[in-house]
Structure formats: C-alpha cells, structure tokens
C-alpha cells in the first residue's frame, strides 16, 4: 500500500511539473497558444469583475455568476502576476482532487484505480488542463459527489455551488437514492442555489446575462454534429469556420438544423435519465457516481459544443467511479482517458488540421468523438443493467462480497472452514436484506 501511494505521488508530481512547464511556456507544443484564454480573456474579465459588475457586453462571458470567483481568485497571489497565479491555483485544485481520491481509495470497499485514473488522465489533456478553470470546478464536483455517499446535505450544497460555477455539477444529483437522501440533497441544493443566485443578482449587474450568450452559440468545430460539415466541405458545402461566441464554429447553410438536432438529442438524453430514475430499483454505494458520470457523458456527447476542457469533467467523475468497487463504469472511464489523449492531438497540436477539415483533422475528431459515443452508450447500458434489470438481492450479494474480499487479502486466503463460513454468512445476510429491501 505504501509503495502504491509513493508511486502515485511520484507520477503526480512529475506529470504536474510538466503541466506547469507547459503553461509557463518553458515547454511548448505545436498549435495555438492555449494560455491566452487566461492571460488575455480571463485577465480582461478580472479587471471588469473587480469593479463590481459582470462583463455585460462581452459575448464570450457564458458562465454562471459564481464563475466570477474563479476568475478573481488570482488576486489571492498578487505577487505572481495574474496568469502565473491562476496556473498555480489550478495546480492546487488538481492536488485537492488527487488528495480526495487518494482518501476515497482507502477503505474496505474502495480501490486506488480512481486515483490512477485522475493522475494519468488529466495530464493527457496537456496545457488546457491548467489553462481553463474547469479543474477548479472538478474539485468542487468531486467533493460533492464523495459527500453525497454519506452526507447528502453537504453533497447537495456543493452540487448547487458547482452548478452556479459551471452548470454541469447539477447532474451530480441525478443518482441520489430515493427517499430521505434525495429529499435532503435536492432541498439543500435548491435552497443554497436560490440564495447564491439571489445574492449575485442583487449585488452585481448582469449576473445571468450569460444565458442569452449561451443560447446563441452555434455548432463548434470539435462537436459530434460538426463532423457533418467537416465531411460536407469536401463535397462543395459553402459554409465557413469563424471565431464566434468565443470558439471556432461552423457558420452557413444547415448549421442551425444540426444545432437543433443536437438540442433534440440532449432532450432525449434527459428523457432517458428521467426514465432510468423512475425504473431504477437497486442502488449500490456506487450508483450516485455511476449515474453522474453517465449523465455528464450524455450531455457532453450530444452538445453543440465539445470544448477540450470538457474532458476534465469526465476524467474527474470517471475517477470517482473507479474508486468504488461496486461501480460499473471502469470500461467507459478507460475510454474517456483514451479520448483525452486524442483531444490533446486535435487541440492544440493539430488544431489547424481540424479547422481546415483535412483528412487528419477529420480522423482525429472521428476517433475522439467515436470513443465518447461508445463510452456513453456503454455507460448507459451498464447503469441500466446494474440498477433496473438486476435483482436487488444480487446487488446486495455483490456489495457484501466486495467488502469481504477487501477485508480478507486474497494472498492469505480464508482459513479452512472459518473464512468460507464467514463469507457465506455475510453474503447470505446481504441476500436476505436485499430480498426484504424496499425500492428505496
């Protein structure tokens, strides 16, 4: 165990040193400079926000009001300069996630795979990992998801805070067990969210102007729907790629249609989640994490915009799932990690190829988005089978067996008769409890 922790720490330190060298431009990669979002755009927002108002006339401000805290956070380290302070704080948030996952991996029903998933997965994104504030959002989301397992009120409060930081953490609540955990988590989330929203709306003009700018976005060149236009350009389609609402988007004939199709797919994803919620009847300790990971996969894959930093969300939630022995999301999480590595290749390394719709650019996007589609479908199937079609007593037996296996190391084996009897007793009791359980 100590060796495993030492190896994790060594890999984390080495890989994060490389990330810092990348964002500080000691090491450079081909393609556009991803750090300008911090040094130019974030810094510009910082100057506006510190006056007590949101960037009212800047269409690139498409974030909920609590995002202002992330943009203002470098003020805590004024001696470093804005960009350097931001990168240091992003690294600190990364370490917080690492520490939480390391702690979550300890215990009778936990494992270290989740910490490895985060340690290896995040740096595959390259400098984008620290050149956006998404790693800070991930820290809040991981804390909230882990809290939901034992303290639903705290988890609900963190989910609400995260939702007003970057919307998607609201999906952490989709898998809370029925009954008191759901009532507590959702009611606290609504209360905390309402208080924060009211405070920002009253205290700073333009707190919710971002909703208009987000609504008017088009089809971003890295999204699943964009593949239609990448291919169509080779067959005479007359559209173009332009910087639009802060990202490179397709503009021209049929773009609104593809955008509407993406919205319909997102609506269908929501309908599937609601159906799953109604039909699910067997919850394990990993179900909230599995459901949150699946939900975010669904909405990322069907979105009109699939920015590189979205991979931070998926790696973080996949890592939480991999910490839990009863989780069913290890295979989709592996696909997400592979997709993260491909994301680095399509942005920033060969982003020019992507914008130009070259065969290389199309191949990279097809591979990355294909992995996300497969991961999404696989996650949905595994979540459904684990909670809807599998009997509750089978779920209870699996949880009991996982806990027992963790308490009795396999290399020692059970003592003749005694260990086997203990295992049978634990599993038999769990099965009986499962048969008598309510739908929960």
Protein backbone atom coordinates (compact mmCIF):
# COMPACT_ATOMS: atom_id res chain seq x y z
CA UNK A 1 0.00 0.00 0.00
CA UNK A 2 2.78 2.41 0.88
CA UNK A 3 4.56 1.58 -2.36
CA UNK A 4 1.36 2.24 -4.33
CA UNK A 5 0.92 5.62 -2.63
CA UNK A 6 4.55 6.54 -3.26
CA UNK A 7 4.21 5.60 -6.93
CA UNK A 8 1.04 7.67 -7.26
CA UNK A 9 2.70 10.68 -5.62
CA UNK A 10 5.78 10.38 -7.84
CA UNK A 11 3.73 10.19 -11.05
CA UNK A 12 1.50 13.06 -9.93
CA UNK A 13 4.48 15.30 -9.10
CA UNK A 14 6.32 14.52 -12.33
CA UNK A 15 3.31 14.97 -14.59
CA UNK A 16 2.18 18.18 -12.88
CA UNK A 17 5.66 19.63 -13.17
CA UNK A 18 5.37 19.06 -16.92
CA UNK A 19 1.93 20.71 -17.00
CA UNK A 20 3.29 23.78 -15.20
CA UNK A 21 6.24 23.96 -17.59
CA UNK A 22 3.78 23.83 -20.49
CA UNK A 23 1.51 26.63 -19.27
CA UNK A 24 4.52 28.74 -18.27
CA UNK A 25 5.84 28.20 -21.83
CA UNK A 26 9.12 26.64 -20.75
CA UNK A 27 8.00 23.71 -22.91
CA UNK A 28 5.85 24.45 -25.96
CA UNK A 29 3.62 22.31 -28.14
CA UNK A 30 2.69 22.86 -31.78
CA UNK A 31 -0.54 24.68 -32.46
CA UNK A 32 -2.21 27.72 -30.89
CA UNK A 33 -1.18 29.10 -27.51
CA UNK A 34 -3.87 27.82 -25.14
CA UNK A 35 -2.76 30.07 -22.29
CA UNK A 36 -4.07 33.26 -23.91
CA UNK A 37 -7.51 32.48 -22.51
CA UNK A 38 -6.03 33.14 -19.07
CA UNK A 39 -3.53 35.92 -19.83
CA UNK A 40 -5.90 37.88 -22.11
CA UNK A 41 -9.56 36.85 -21.74
CA UNK A 42 -9.68 35.88 -18.06
CA UNK A 43 -7.47 38.81 -17.14
CA UNK A 44 -9.80 41.16 -19.01
CA UNK A 45 -12.79 39.76 -17.15
CA UNK A 46 -10.84 40.13 -13.92
CA UNK A 47 -10.45 43.85 -14.50
CA UNK A 48 -14.19 44.24 -15.13
CA UNK A 49 -15.34 41.98 -12.28
CA UNK A 50 -13.25 43.77 -9.70
CA UNK A 51 -15.33 46.91 -10.41
CA UNK A 52 -18.46 45.11 -9.15
CA UNK A 53 -20.16 44.18 -12.41
CA UNK A 54 -20.15 41.30 -14.86
CA UNK A 55 -18.83 41.73 -18.44
CA UNK A 56 -22.21 42.89 -19.74
CA UNK A 57 -21.21 43.47 -23.37
CA UNK A 58 -18.78 40.58 -23.81
CA UNK A 59 -20.45 37.66 -25.63
CA UNK A 60 -17.60 35.35 -24.59
CA UNK A 61 -18.77 35.57 -20.95
CA UNK A 62 -21.01 32.48 -20.93
CA UNK A 63 -20.64 31.33 -17.35
CA UNK A 64 -22.86 31.32 -14.25
CA UNK A 65 -22.21 34.03 -11.64
CA UNK A 66 -20.06 32.00 -9.22
CA UNK A 67 -17.52 31.62 -12.05
CA UNK A 68 -16.51 35.16 -11.16
CA UNK A 69 -14.84 33.76 -8.02
CA UNK A 70 -12.60 31.53 -10.14
CA UNK A 71 -11.66 34.45 -12.39
CA UNK A 72 -10.98 36.67 -9.38
CA UNK A 73 -9.05 34.02 -7.45
CA UNK A 74 -5.55 35.06 -8.66
CA UNK A 75 -5.98 38.20 -6.55
CA UNK A 76 -5.03 35.95 -3.63
CA UNK A 77 -1.50 35.69 -5.09
CA UNK A 78 -0.80 39.19 -6.43
CA UNK A 79 2.98 38.79 -6.25
CA UNK A 80 2.91 36.16 -9.02
CA UNK A 81 1.10 38.09 -11.71
CA UNK A 82 -2.37 37.15 -12.94
CA UNK A 83 -1.62 34.26 -15.32
CA UNK A 84 1.04 32.59 -13.16
CA UNK A 85 -1.17 32.87 -10.07
CA UNK A 86 -4.05 31.28 -11.97
CA UNK A 87 -1.90 28.34 -13.08
CA UNK A 88 -0.63 27.79 -9.53
CA UNK A 89 -4.20 27.80 -8.19
CA UNK A 90 -5.27 25.37 -10.93
CA UNK A 91 -2.45 23.06 -9.85
CA UNK A 92 -3.59 23.42 -6.23
CA UNK A 93 -7.14 22.43 -7.23
CA UNK A 94 -5.68 19.45 -9.09
CA UNK A 95 -3.86 18.41 -5.91
CA UNK A 96 -7.07 18.72 -3.89
CA UNK A 97 -8.78 16.30 -6.30
CA UNK A 98 -5.79 13.94 -6.06
CA UNK A 99 -5.89 14.03 -2.25
CA UNK A 100 -9.67 13.44 -2.12
CA UNK A 101 -9.43 10.48 -4.48
CA UNK A 102 -6.48 9.08 -2.56
CA UNK A 103 -8.54 9.25 0.63
CA UNK A 104 -11.59 7.79 -1.11
CA UNK A 105 -9.49 4.86 -2.32
CA UNK A 106 -8.88 3.73 1.24
CA UNK A 107 -11.41 1.54 2.99
CA UNK A 108 -12.97 -1.90 2.75
CA UNK A 109 -14.99 -1.19 -0.40
CA UNK A 110 -12.65 1.18 -2.23
CA UNK A 111 -9.67 0.93 -4.58
CA UNK A 112 -6.80 3.03 -5.95
CA UNK A 113 -7.79 2.79 -9.62
CA UNK A 114 -9.65 6.11 -9.33
CA UNK A 115 -6.56 7.96 -8.16
CA UNK A 116 -4.58 6.48 -11.03
CA UNK A 117 -7.34 7.50 -13.46
CA UNK A 118 -7.02 11.14 -12.38
CA UNK A 119 -3.22 11.09 -12.04
CA UNK A 120 -2.71 9.70 -15.55
CA UNK A 121 -5.81 11.04 -17.29
CA UNK A 122 -5.63 14.76 -16.58
CA UNK A 123 -2.10 15.43 -17.95
CA UNK A 124 -3.08 13.71 -21.21
CA UNK A 125 -5.06 16.90 -21.93
CA UNK A 126 -1.84 18.92 -21.95
CA UNK A 127 -1.74 22.63 -21.06
CA UNK A 128 -5.51 23.02 -21.45
CA UNK A 129 -5.87 21.25 -18.10
CA UNK A 130 -4.48 24.29 -16.27
CA UNK A 131 -5.36 26.99 -18.81
CA UNK A 132 -9.09 26.84 -18.02
CA UNK A 133 -10.90 26.99 -14.69
CA UNK A 134 -12.54 23.59 -15.17
CA UNK A 135 -10.09 21.82 -12.85
CA UNK A 136 -11.40 24.08 -10.06
CA UNK A 137 -14.95 23.04 -10.94
CA UNK A 138 -13.83 19.41 -10.90
CA UNK A 139 -12.54 19.84 -7.34
CA UNK A 140 -15.97 21.07 -6.19
CA UNK A 141 -17.73 18.29 -8.11
CA UNK A 142 -15.54 15.50 -6.73
CA UNK A 143 -16.00 16.84 -3.19
CA UNK A 144 -19.76 16.99 -3.71
CA UNK A 145 -20.02 13.52 -5.21
CA UNK A 146 -17.98 11.93 -2.44
CA UNK A 147 -20.02 13.79 0.17
CA UNK A 148 -23.29 12.54 -1.34
CA UNK A 149 -22.31 8.98 -0.41
CA UNK A 150 -22.54 9.72 3.33
CA UNK A 151 -23.72 13.31 3.87
CA UNK A 152 -26.38 14.16 1.27
CA UNK A 153 -26.93 17.67 2.64
CA UNK A 154 -23.29 18.63 2.16
CA UNK A 155 -23.28 16.97 -1.25
CA UNK A 156 -26.38 18.90 -2.27
CA UNK A 157 -24.85 22.21 -1.17
CA UNK A 158 -21.66 21.54 -3.13
CA UNK A 159 -23.65 20.47 -6.19
CA UNK A 160 -25.57 23.76 -6.08
CA UNK A 161 -22.36 25.77 -5.68
CA UNK A 162 -20.83 23.84 -8.57
CA UNK A 163 -23.90 24.39 -10.75
CA UNK A 164 -23.54 28.14 -10.31
CA UNK A 165 -19.85 27.75 -11.10
CA UNK A 166 -20.31 25.88 -14.40
CA UNK A 167 -23.80 24.32 -14.59
CA UNK A 168 -22.87 20.65 -15.15
CA UNK A 169 -22.34 19.74 -11.44
CA UNK A 170 -26.12 19.85 -11.01
CA UNK A 171 -26.03 16.41 -12.65
CA UNK A 172 -24.35 15.04 -9.52
CA UNK A 173 -27.84 14.84 -8.01
CA UNK A 174 -29.36 12.57 -10.65
CA UNK A 175 -28.37 9.35 -8.88
CA UNK A 176 -29.15 10.07 -5.24
CA UNK A 177 -31.06 7.15 -3.68
CA UNK A 178 -34.80 7.59 -3.35
CA UNK A 179 -36.22 8.62 -0.02
CA UNK A 180 -34.51 10.75 2.59
CA UNK A 181 -31.11 11.10 0.79
CA UNK A 182 -32.84 12.58 -2.26
CA UNK A 183 -35.12 14.83 -0.24
CA UNK A 184 -32.20 16.20 1.79
CA UNK A 185 -29.75 16.59 -1.11
CA UNK A 186 -32.23 18.18 -3.51
CA UNK A 187 -33.85 20.51 -0.98
CA UNK A 188 -30.48 21.75 0.27
CA UNK A 189 -29.31 22.20 -3.34
CA UNK A 190 -32.39 24.25 -4.22
CA UNK A 191 -32.02 26.40 -1.09
CA UNK A 192 -28.30 27.05 -1.49
CA UNK A 193 -28.68 27.67 -5.23
CA UNK A 194 -31.52 30.13 -4.71
CA UNK A 195 -29.61 32.06 -2.03
CA UNK A 196 -26.44 32.30 -4.14
CA UNK A 197 -28.36 33.29 -7.26
CA UNK A 198 -30.30 35.97 -5.38
CA UNK A 199 -27.13 37.33 -3.78
CA UNK A 200 -25.33 37.69 -7.10
CA UNK A 201 -28.38 39.07 -8.90
CA UNK A 202 -28.81 41.73 -6.21
CA UNK A 203 -25.14 42.56 -5.80
CA UNK A 204 -23.71 42.55 -9.33
CA UNK A 205 -25.42 43.69 -12.55
CA UNK A 206 -25.63 41.15 -15.37
CA UNK A 207 -25.34 38.01 -13.25
CA UNK A 208 -27.49 35.98 -15.66
CA UNK A 209 -26.69 37.68 -18.95
CA UNK A 210 -24.68 34.56 -19.81
CA UNK A 211 -27.91 32.68 -20.56
CA UNK A 212 -28.50 34.77 -23.68
CA UNK A 213 -24.95 34.33 -24.95
CA UNK A 214 -25.03 30.57 -24.34
CA UNK A 215 -28.36 30.24 -26.18
CA UNK A 216 -26.99 31.93 -29.30
CA UNK A 217 -23.95 29.67 -29.73
CA UNK A 218 -23.63 27.64 -32.93
CA UNK A 219 -22.02 24.30 -33.82
CA UNK A 220 -18.44 24.23 -32.57
CA UNK A 221 -15.89 22.55 -34.85
CA UNK A 222 -14.98 19.83 -32.33
CA UNK A 223 -18.52 18.65 -31.59
CA UNK A 224 -20.11 15.46 -32.83
CA UNK A 225 -22.50 17.36 -35.11
CA UNK A 226 -19.61 19.27 -36.65
CA UNK A 227 -18.38 16.09 -38.34
CA UNK A 228 -21.24 16.52 -40.83
CA UNK A 229 -19.79 19.81 -42.02
CA UNK A 230 -16.16 18.66 -41.92
CA UNK A 231 -17.09 15.98 -44.44
CA UNK A 232 -19.52 18.21 -46.37
CA UNK A 233 -16.76 20.74 -47.07
CA UNK A 234 -15.16 18.12 -49.31
CA UNK A 235 -18.37 17.87 -51.34
CA UNK A 236 -19.00 21.54 -52.05
CA UNK A 237 -20.72 22.78 -48.88
CA UNK A 238 -20.43 26.57 -48.88
CA UNK A 239 -20.18 27.26 -45.18
CA UNK A 240 -17.16 28.55 -43.27
CA UNK A 241 -15.39 28.39 -39.93
CA UNK A 242 -15.17 31.58 -37.85
CA UNK A 243 -14.42 32.66 -34.30
CA UNK A 244 -17.96 33.03 -32.96
CA UNK A 245 -19.03 33.48 -29.34
CA UNK A 246 -15.55 32.64 -28.13
CA UNK A 247 -14.91 29.43 -30.10
CA UNK A 248 -14.33 28.25 -33.65
CA UNK A 249 -17.76 27.44 -35.06
CA UNK A 250 -19.29 26.47 -38.38
CA UNK A 251 -21.49 29.11 -39.98
CA UNK A 252 -23.55 28.68 -43.13
CA UNK A 253 -26.32 26.54 -44.66
CA UNK A 254 -27.85 23.82 -42.48
CA UNK A 255 -25.81 24.77 -39.39
CA UNK A 256 -28.96 25.80 -37.44
CA UNK A 257 -30.56 22.49 -38.40
CA UNK A 258 -27.66 20.47 -36.98
CA UNK A 259 -27.76 22.66 -33.88
CA UNK A 260 -31.44 21.85 -33.40
CA UNK A 261 -30.72 18.13 -33.84
CA UNK A 262 -28.11 18.40 -31.08
CA UNK A 263 -30.67 20.03 -28.81
CA UNK A 264 -33.17 17.26 -29.60
CA UNK A 265 -30.53 14.64 -28.73
CA UNK A 266 -29.86 16.42 -25.44
CA UNK A 267 -33.60 16.42 -24.72
CA UNK A 268 -33.71 12.68 -25.45
CA UNK A 269 -30.77 12.19 -23.11
CA UNK A 270 -32.70 13.98 -20.39
CA UNK A 271 -35.76 11.83 -21.10
CA UNK A 272 -33.66 8.66 -20.80
CA UNK A 273 -32.25 9.82 -17.48
CA UNK A 274 -35.76 10.51 -16.18
CA UNK A 275 -36.89 7.06 -17.35
CA UNK A 276 -33.89 5.47 -15.66
CA UNK A 277 -34.66 7.37 -12.47
CA UNK A 278 -38.23 6.09 -12.45
CA UNK A 279 -37.32 2.50 -13.33
CA UNK A 280 -34.21 2.06 -11.16
CA UNK A 281 -34.86 -0.15 -8.16
CA UNK A 282 -31.44 -1.30 -6.91
CA UNK A 283 -28.93 1.21 -5.57
CA UNK A 284 -25.37 0.45 -4.51
CA UNK A 285 -22.87 2.78 -2.88
CA UNK A 286 -21.51 3.48 -6.38
CA UNK A 287 -24.82 4.29 -8.08
CA UNK A 288 -24.73 8.08 -7.45
CA UNK A 289 -21.26 8.29 -9.01
CA UNK A 290 -22.15 5.96 -11.90
CA UNK A 291 -25.31 7.95 -12.67
CA UNK A 292 -23.50 11.31 -12.53
CA UNK A 293 -20.74 10.05 -14.85
CA UNK A 294 -23.31 8.67 -17.30
CA UNK A 295 -25.36 11.88 -17.23
CA UNK A 296 -22.38 14.11 -17.96
CA UNK A 297 -21.27 11.78 -20.76
CA UNK A 298 -24.73 12.04 -22.31
CA UNK A 299 -24.81 15.83 -22.27
CA UNK A 300 -21.20 16.31 -23.39
CA UNK A 301 -21.60 13.94 -26.32
CA UNK A 302 -24.87 15.48 -27.53
CA UNK A 303 -23.78 19.10 -27.02
CA UNK A 304 -23.32 21.61 -29.82
CA UNK A 305 -20.03 22.49 -28.15
CA UNK A 306 -17.44 19.93 -27.07
CA UNK A 307 -14.54 22.05 -25.87
CA UNK A 308 -11.29 20.26 -24.88
CA UNK A 309 -11.67 21.22 -21.22
CA UNK A 310 -14.89 19.21 -21.00
CA UNK A 311 -12.66 16.15 -20.75
CA UNK A 312 -11.61 17.36 -17.28
CA UNK A 313 -15.19 16.80 -16.08
CA UNK A 314 -15.35 13.28 -17.47
CA UNK A 315 -11.95 12.23 -16.14
CA UNK A 316 -12.85 13.54 -12.67
CA UNK A 317 -16.18 11.71 -12.49
CA UNK A 318 -14.72 8.58 -14.04
CA UNK A 319 -12.01 8.65 -11.37
CA UNK A 320 -14.61 8.79 -8.58
CA UNK A 321 -16.40 5.80 -10.10
CA UNK A 322 -13.14 3.85 -10.29
CA UNK A 323 -12.60 4.40 -6.55
CA UNK A 324 -15.70 2.31 -5.79
CA UNK A 325 -15.52 -1.47 -6.07
CA UNK A 326 -19.19 -1.87 -6.98
CA UNK A 327 -19.02 0.71 -9.80
CA UNK A 328 -19.78 -0.48 -13.32
CA UNK A 329 -18.02 2.41 -15.05
CA UNK A 330 -14.39 1.26 -15.30
CA UNK A 331 -14.57 0.37 -19.04
CA UNK A 332 -16.21 3.67 -20.07
CA UNK A 333 -13.73 5.53 -17.84
CA UNK A 334 -10.84 3.90 -19.70
CA UNK A 335 -12.35 5.05 -23.00
CA UNK A 336 -12.62 8.58 -21.60
CA UNK A 337 -8.93 8.56 -20.69
CA UNK A 338 -8.06 7.42 -24.22
CA UNK A 339 -10.31 10.14 -25.67
CA UNK A 340 -8.49 12.70 -23.50
CA UNK A 341 -5.18 11.75 -25.12
CA UNK A 342 -6.71 12.16 -28.57
CA UNK A 343 -8.11 15.53 -27.51
CA UNK A 344 -4.57 16.81 -26.95
CA UNK A 345 -3.73 15.81 -30.53
CA UNK A 346 -6.72 17.59 -32.04
CA UNK A 347 -6.24 20.61 -29.77
CA UNK A 348 -3.80 22.23 -29.74
CA UNK A 349 -1.30 20.03 -31.63
CA UNK A 350 -3.17 19.65 -34.93
CA UNK A 351 -5.95 22.15 -34.43
CA UNK A 352 -5.13 23.75 -37.77
CA UNK A 353 -5.92 20.41 -39.41
CA UNK A 354 -9.25 20.30 -37.58
CA UNK A 355 -10.22 23.85 -38.57
CA UNK A 356 -9.18 23.11 -42.14
CA UNK A 357 -11.20 19.86 -42.22
CA UNK A 358 -8.22 17.93 -43.55
CA UNK A 359 -8.26 14.12 -43.58
CA UNK A 360 -6.02 14.10 -40.50
CA UNK A 361 -8.28 16.54 -38.66
CA UNK A 362 -11.40 14.57 -39.55
CA UNK A 363 -9.75 11.30 -38.50
CA UNK A 364 -8.76 12.71 -35.10
CA UNK A 365 -12.23 14.08 -34.43
CA UNK A 366 -13.90 10.88 -35.60
CA UNK A 367 -11.71 8.80 -33.29
CA UNK A 368 -12.14 11.09 -30.26
CA UNK A 369 -15.88 11.59 -30.70
CA UNK A 370 -16.33 7.92 -31.56
CA UNK A 371 -14.73 6.94 -28.25
CA UNK A 372 -17.07 9.33 -26.43
CA UNK A 373 -20.12 7.88 -28.17
CA UNK A 374 -19.08 4.31 -27.34
CA UNK A 375 -18.32 5.31 -23.74
CA UNK A 376 -21.73 6.98 -23.44
CA UNK A 377 -23.70 4.03 -24.80
CA UNK A 378 -21.66 1.58 -22.72
CA UNK A 379 -22.18 3.63 -19.55
CA UNK A 380 -25.94 3.80 -20.17
CA UNK A 381 -26.18 0.05 -20.73
CA UNK A 382 -24.12 -0.81 -17.65
CA UNK A 383 -26.04 1.63 -15.44
CA UNK A 384 -29.38 0.25 -16.63
CA UNK A 385 -28.36 -3.37 -16.13
CA UNK A 386 -26.93 -2.70 -12.68
CA UNK A 387 -29.94 -0.81 -11.32
CA UNK A 388 -33.01 -1.71 -13.39
CA UNK A 389 -32.67 -5.29 -14.63
CA UNK A 390 -30.52 -6.79 -11.86
CA UNK A 391 -32.41 -8.06 -8.75
CA UNK A 392 -31.75 -6.18 -5.54
CA UNK A 393 -30.56 -9.29 -3.73
CA UNK A 394 -27.88 -9.83 -6.39
CA UNK A 395 -26.68 -6.28 -5.88
CA UNK A 396 -26.58 -6.81 -2.12
CA UNK A 397 -24.56 -10.02 -2.55
CA UNK A 398 -22.05 -8.24 -4.77
CA UNK A 399 -21.56 -5.43 -2.29
CA UNK A 400 -21.10 -7.88 0.58
CA UNK A 401 -18.65 -9.98 -1.43
CA UNK A 402 -16.62 -6.90 -2.41
CA UNK A 403 -16.44 -5.72 1.19
CA UNK A 404 -15.44 -9.17 2.44
CA UNK A 405 -12.78 -9.58 -0.26
CA UNK A 406 -11.29 -6.22 0.71
CA UNK A 407 -11.12 -7.24 4.39
CA UNK A 408 -9.50 -10.63 3.70
CA UNK A 409 -6.49 -10.24 1.35
CA UNK A 410 -6.53 -12.85 -1.38
CA UNK A 411 -2.87 -13.78 -0.92
CA UNK A 412 -3.55 -15.10 2.58
CA UNK A 413 -6.82 -16.85 1.70
CA UNK A 414 -9.53 -17.72 4.22
CA UNK A 415 -8.70 -20.12 6.96
CA UNK A 416 -10.11 -23.55 6.24
CA UNK A 417 -13.78 -23.61 7.08
CA UNK A 418 -13.81 -20.39 9.09
CA UNK A 419 -13.26 -17.88 6.28
CA UNK A 420 -15.61 -19.65 3.92
CA UNK A 421 -18.29 -19.79 6.57
CA UNK A 422 -17.82 -16.13 7.37
CA UNK A 423 -18.12 -15.21 3.69
CA UNK A 424 -21.22 -17.34 3.25
CA UNK A 425 -22.76 -15.78 6.33
CA UNK A 426 -22.09 -12.23 5.16
CA UNK A 427 -23.37 -12.86 1.65
CA UNK A 428 -26.39 -14.81 2.89
CA UNK A 429 -27.34 -12.00 5.25
CA UNK A 430 -26.96 -9.46 2.47
CA UNK A 431 -29.12 -11.52 0.14
CA UNK A 432 -31.82 -11.73 2.78
CA UNK A 433 -31.63 -7.99 3.33
CA UNK A 434 -31.84 -7.43 -0.42
CA UNK A 435 -34.99 -9.52 -0.75
CA UNK A 436 -36.64 -7.57 2.04
CA UNK A 437 -35.49 -4.16 0.84
CA UNK A 438 -37.90 -1.63 -0.46
CA UNK A 439 -37.43 0.12 -3.77
CA UNK A 440 -35.51 2.83 -1.89
